[in-house]
Amino acid sequence: MEINNLKSIRKITVFFIICLALSGITAFPLVTEINFLEQHKDIFPNLLQDWILQIKTAIEQTDSVVLYGTDWLAFAHLIIASFFIGVYKDPVKNKFIVQVGIAACFAVFPLAFIFGPIRGIPLFHQLIDCCFGIVGLIPLLIIYRKIKILESGFSTTRLTTKQETSN
C-alpha cells in the first residue's frame, strides 16, 4: 500500500512540476505568442479577438525592460517547480513544500481580484488567472492527502519496529 501511495505521489508531483514549468516557459516568448494569437484571432469569439488586439497593442507599447520582468516571472516558475523535486524524493520530509504550494494557490484569488481591477484587467482574465490557482490546488491537495496517509503508515511501521526491537 505504501509503495503504491509513494508511486502515486511521485507521478502527480512530476505532472505538477511539468505543468508549473510549462506555465513559466510560456512567459518567455510573449511577443511571439501574441503575434501568433493575433494572426489566428478569427478562431476566437469577438470578445476574445478584441482582447487579443488590446494585449498586442499593450505589449507593443511596453518597454523591453518591463517585458524583462516577465522573463523573471518565467524563471520564478522554473525555480518553484524545482522545489517540488524534494517532494518527489521524500514526500513526508518535504510536506511543507506542498503546504506552501497550497497556500500559494489560494493566494492567487486575492491577488487577481485586488490587483486585477487596479491594473484594469478584465474580469474574465482575472477568472482565467484564478483557474491557475484551482488547477494547481487539485493535484497539490491530492498529494497532501496521500502524504498524510503515507505519514501515518510510516508512524505505524516505526512504532511496530521499535516495539519489536525493545522486546
Protein backbone atom coordinates (compact mmCIF):
# COMPACT_ATOMS: atom_id res chain seq x y z
CA MET A 1 0.00 0.00 0.00
CA GLU A 2 2.76 2.45 0.98
CA ILE A 3 4.73 1.72 -2.20
CA ASN A 4 1.67 2.36 -4.39
CA ASN A 5 0.92 5.56 -2.49
CA LEU A 6 4.54 6.73 -2.91
CA LYS A 7 4.43 5.95 -6.64
CA SER A 8 1.17 7.87 -6.96
CA ILE A 9 2.61 10.87 -5.11
CA ARG A 10 5.63 10.83 -7.40
CA LYS A 11 3.56 10.61 -10.59
CA ILE A 12 1.32 13.50 -9.56
CA THR A 13 4.35 15.51 -8.43
CA VAL A 14 6.05 15.02 -11.81
CA PHE A 15 2.83 16.13 -13.53
CA PHE A 16 2.71 19.22 -11.29
CA ILE A 17 6.39 20.05 -11.95
CA ILE A 18 5.89 19.76 -15.70
CA CYS A 19 2.75 21.94 -15.66
CA LEU A 20 4.41 24.59 -13.50
CA ALA A 21 7.50 24.63 -15.71
CA LEU A 22 5.40 24.88 -18.89
CA SER A 23 3.39 27.68 -17.34
CA GLY A 24 6.63 29.54 -16.72
CA ILE A 25 8.23 28.78 -20.06
CA THR A 26 5.26 30.29 -21.89
CA ALA A 27 6.02 33.65 -20.23
CA PHE A 28 9.34 33.95 -22.12
CA PRO A 29 8.05 34.39 -25.70
CA LEU A 30 5.22 36.90 -25.06
CA VAL A 31 5.76 38.85 -28.28
CA THR A 32 5.88 35.70 -30.40
CA GLU A 33 2.81 34.26 -28.67
CA ILE A 34 0.71 37.40 -29.05
CA ASN A 35 1.71 37.71 -32.72
CA PHE A 36 0.59 34.11 -33.25
CA LEU A 37 -2.73 34.75 -31.49
CA GLU A 38 -3.26 37.92 -33.50
CA GLN A 39 -2.69 36.04 -36.77
CA HIS A 40 -5.23 33.38 -35.72
CA LYS A 41 -7.69 35.59 -33.84
CA ASP A 42 -10.56 34.67 -36.17
CA ILE A 43 -10.94 31.29 -34.48
CA PHE A 44 -11.88 33.05 -31.22
CA PRO A 45 -15.16 34.73 -30.23
CA ASN A 46 -15.37 38.50 -30.85
CA LEU A 47 -14.79 39.35 -27.19
CA LEU A 48 -11.51 37.45 -27.19
CA GLN A 49 -10.49 38.89 -30.57
CA ASP A 50 -10.81 42.40 -29.15
CA TRP A 51 -8.90 41.38 -26.06
CA ILE A 52 -6.07 39.83 -28.14
CA LEU A 53 -5.73 43.07 -30.11
CA GLN A 54 -5.75 45.08 -26.89
CA ILE A 55 -3.00 42.87 -25.40
CA LYS A 56 -0.96 43.04 -28.63
CA THR A 57 -1.14 46.83 -28.58
CA ALA A 58 -0.17 46.89 -24.90
CA ILE A 59 2.82 44.59 -25.47
CA GLU A 60 3.97 46.66 -28.46
CA GLN A 61 3.81 49.81 -26.31
CA THR A 62 5.59 48.19 -23.37
CA ASP A 63 9.25 49.00 -22.85
CA SER A 64 11.51 45.95 -23.12
CA VAL A 65 12.73 46.48 -19.56
CA VAL A 66 9.17 45.77 -18.35
CA LEU A 67 8.91 42.71 -20.60
CA TYR A 68 12.16 41.58 -18.99
CA GLY A 69 10.07 41.28 -15.81
CA THR A 70 8.05 38.51 -17.44
CA ASP A 71 11.32 36.68 -18.06
CA TRP A 72 11.89 36.77 -14.31
CA LEU A 73 8.33 35.56 -13.79
CA ALA A 74 9.10 32.60 -16.04
CA PHE A 75 12.35 31.96 -14.18
CA ALA A 76 10.48 32.03 -10.85
CA HIS A 77 8.09 29.36 -12.13
CA LEU A 78 11.05 27.14 -13.04
CA ILE A 79 12.69 27.65 -9.64
CA ILE A 80 9.44 26.96 -7.78
CA ALA A 81 8.98 23.81 -9.87
CA SER A 82 12.47 22.68 -8.86
CA PHE A 83 11.49 22.81 -5.17
CA PHE A 84 8.97 20.06 -5.83
CA ILE A 85 11.84 17.70 -6.64
CA GLY A 86 12.14 17.49 -2.86
CA VAL A 87 8.55 16.27 -2.66
CA TYR A 88 9.37 13.65 -5.30
CA LYS A 89 12.43 12.45 -3.35
CA ASP A 90 10.94 12.41 0.15
CA PRO A 91 7.29 13.45 0.34
CA VAL A 92 6.94 13.08 4.11
CA LYS A 93 10.07 15.08 4.93
CA ASN A 94 9.19 17.78 2.36
CA LYS A 95 5.48 18.01 3.05
CA PHE A 96 5.94 21.71 3.85
CA ILE A 97 6.66 22.40 0.17
CA VAL A 98 3.21 21.09 -0.72
CA GLN A 99 1.69 23.17 2.09
CA VAL A 100 3.37 26.32 0.74
CA GLY A 101 2.17 25.42 -2.76
CA ILE A 102 -1.39 25.06 -1.49
CA ALA A 103 -1.16 28.45 0.23
CA ALA A 104 0.17 29.99 -2.99
CA CYS A 105 -2.75 28.55 -4.97
CA PHE A 106 -5.21 30.11 -2.52
CA ALA A 107 -3.29 33.41 -2.69
CA VAL A 108 -3.95 33.63 -6.44
CA PHE A 109 -7.56 34.65 -5.72
CA PRO A 110 -6.98 37.80 -3.65
CA LEU A 111 -4.10 38.77 -5.91
CA ALA A 112 -6.25 38.50 -9.03
CA PHE A 113 -9.30 40.19 -7.53
CA ILE A 114 -7.38 43.01 -5.81
CA PHE A 115 -4.74 43.90 -8.38
CA GLY A 116 -6.79 42.96 -11.45
CA PRO A 117 -9.19 45.90 -11.06
CA ILE A 118 -6.35 48.23 -10.00
CA ARG A 119 -4.49 47.38 -13.23
CA GLY A 120 -7.66 47.47 -15.36
CA ILE A 121 -7.58 43.73 -16.11
CA PRO A 122 -10.95 42.47 -17.44
CA LEU A 123 -12.91 40.21 -15.11
CA PHE A 124 -12.73 37.23 -17.49
CA HIS A 125 -8.93 37.45 -17.42
CA GLN A 126 -8.97 37.58 -13.62
CA LEU A 127 -11.10 34.42 -13.70
CA ILE A 128 -8.58 32.76 -16.02
CA ASP A 129 -5.84 33.64 -13.54
CA CYS A 130 -7.93 32.12 -10.74
CA CYS A 131 -8.20 28.92 -12.79
CA PHE A 132 -4.42 28.53 -12.40
CA GLY A 133 -4.95 28.54 -8.64
CA ILE A 134 -7.66 25.90 -8.91
CA VAL A 135 -5.73 23.75 -11.39
CA GLY A 136 -2.66 23.89 -9.14
CA LEU A 137 -4.67 23.25 -6.00
CA ILE A 138 -6.24 19.99 -7.19
CA PRO A 139 -3.04 17.93 -7.59
CA LEU A 140 -1.47 19.53 -4.50
CA LEU A 141 -4.43 18.58 -2.31
CA ILE A 142 -4.29 15.03 -3.66
CA ILE A 143 -0.54 14.87 -2.99
CA TYR A 144 -1.03 16.28 0.50
CA ARG A 145 -3.75 13.76 1.34
CA LYS A 146 -1.56 10.91 0.11
CA ILE A 147 1.41 12.20 2.12
CA LYS A 148 -0.75 12.19 5.26
CA ILE A 149 -1.68 8.56 4.56
CA LEU A 150 1.96 7.69 3.89
CA GLU A 151 2.98 9.54 7.04
CA SER A 152 0.53 7.58 9.21
CA GLY A 153 1.76 4.34 7.65
CA PHE A 154 5.37 5.24 8.44
CA SER A 155 4.44 6.11 12.03
CA THR A 156 2.71 2.74 12.49
CA THR A 157 5.65 0.92 10.89
CA ARG A 158 8.16 2.75 13.10
CA LEU A 159 6.16 2.08 16.27
CA THR A 160 5.84 -1.62 15.43
CA THR A 161 9.56 -1.88 14.65
CA LYS A 162 10.53 -0.07 17.89
CA GLN A 163 8.22 -2.29 19.96
CA GLU A 164 9.61 -5.47 18.37
CA THR A 165 13.19 -4.26 18.93
CA SER A 166 12.58 -3.48 22.62
CA ASN A 167 11.07 -6.95 23.30
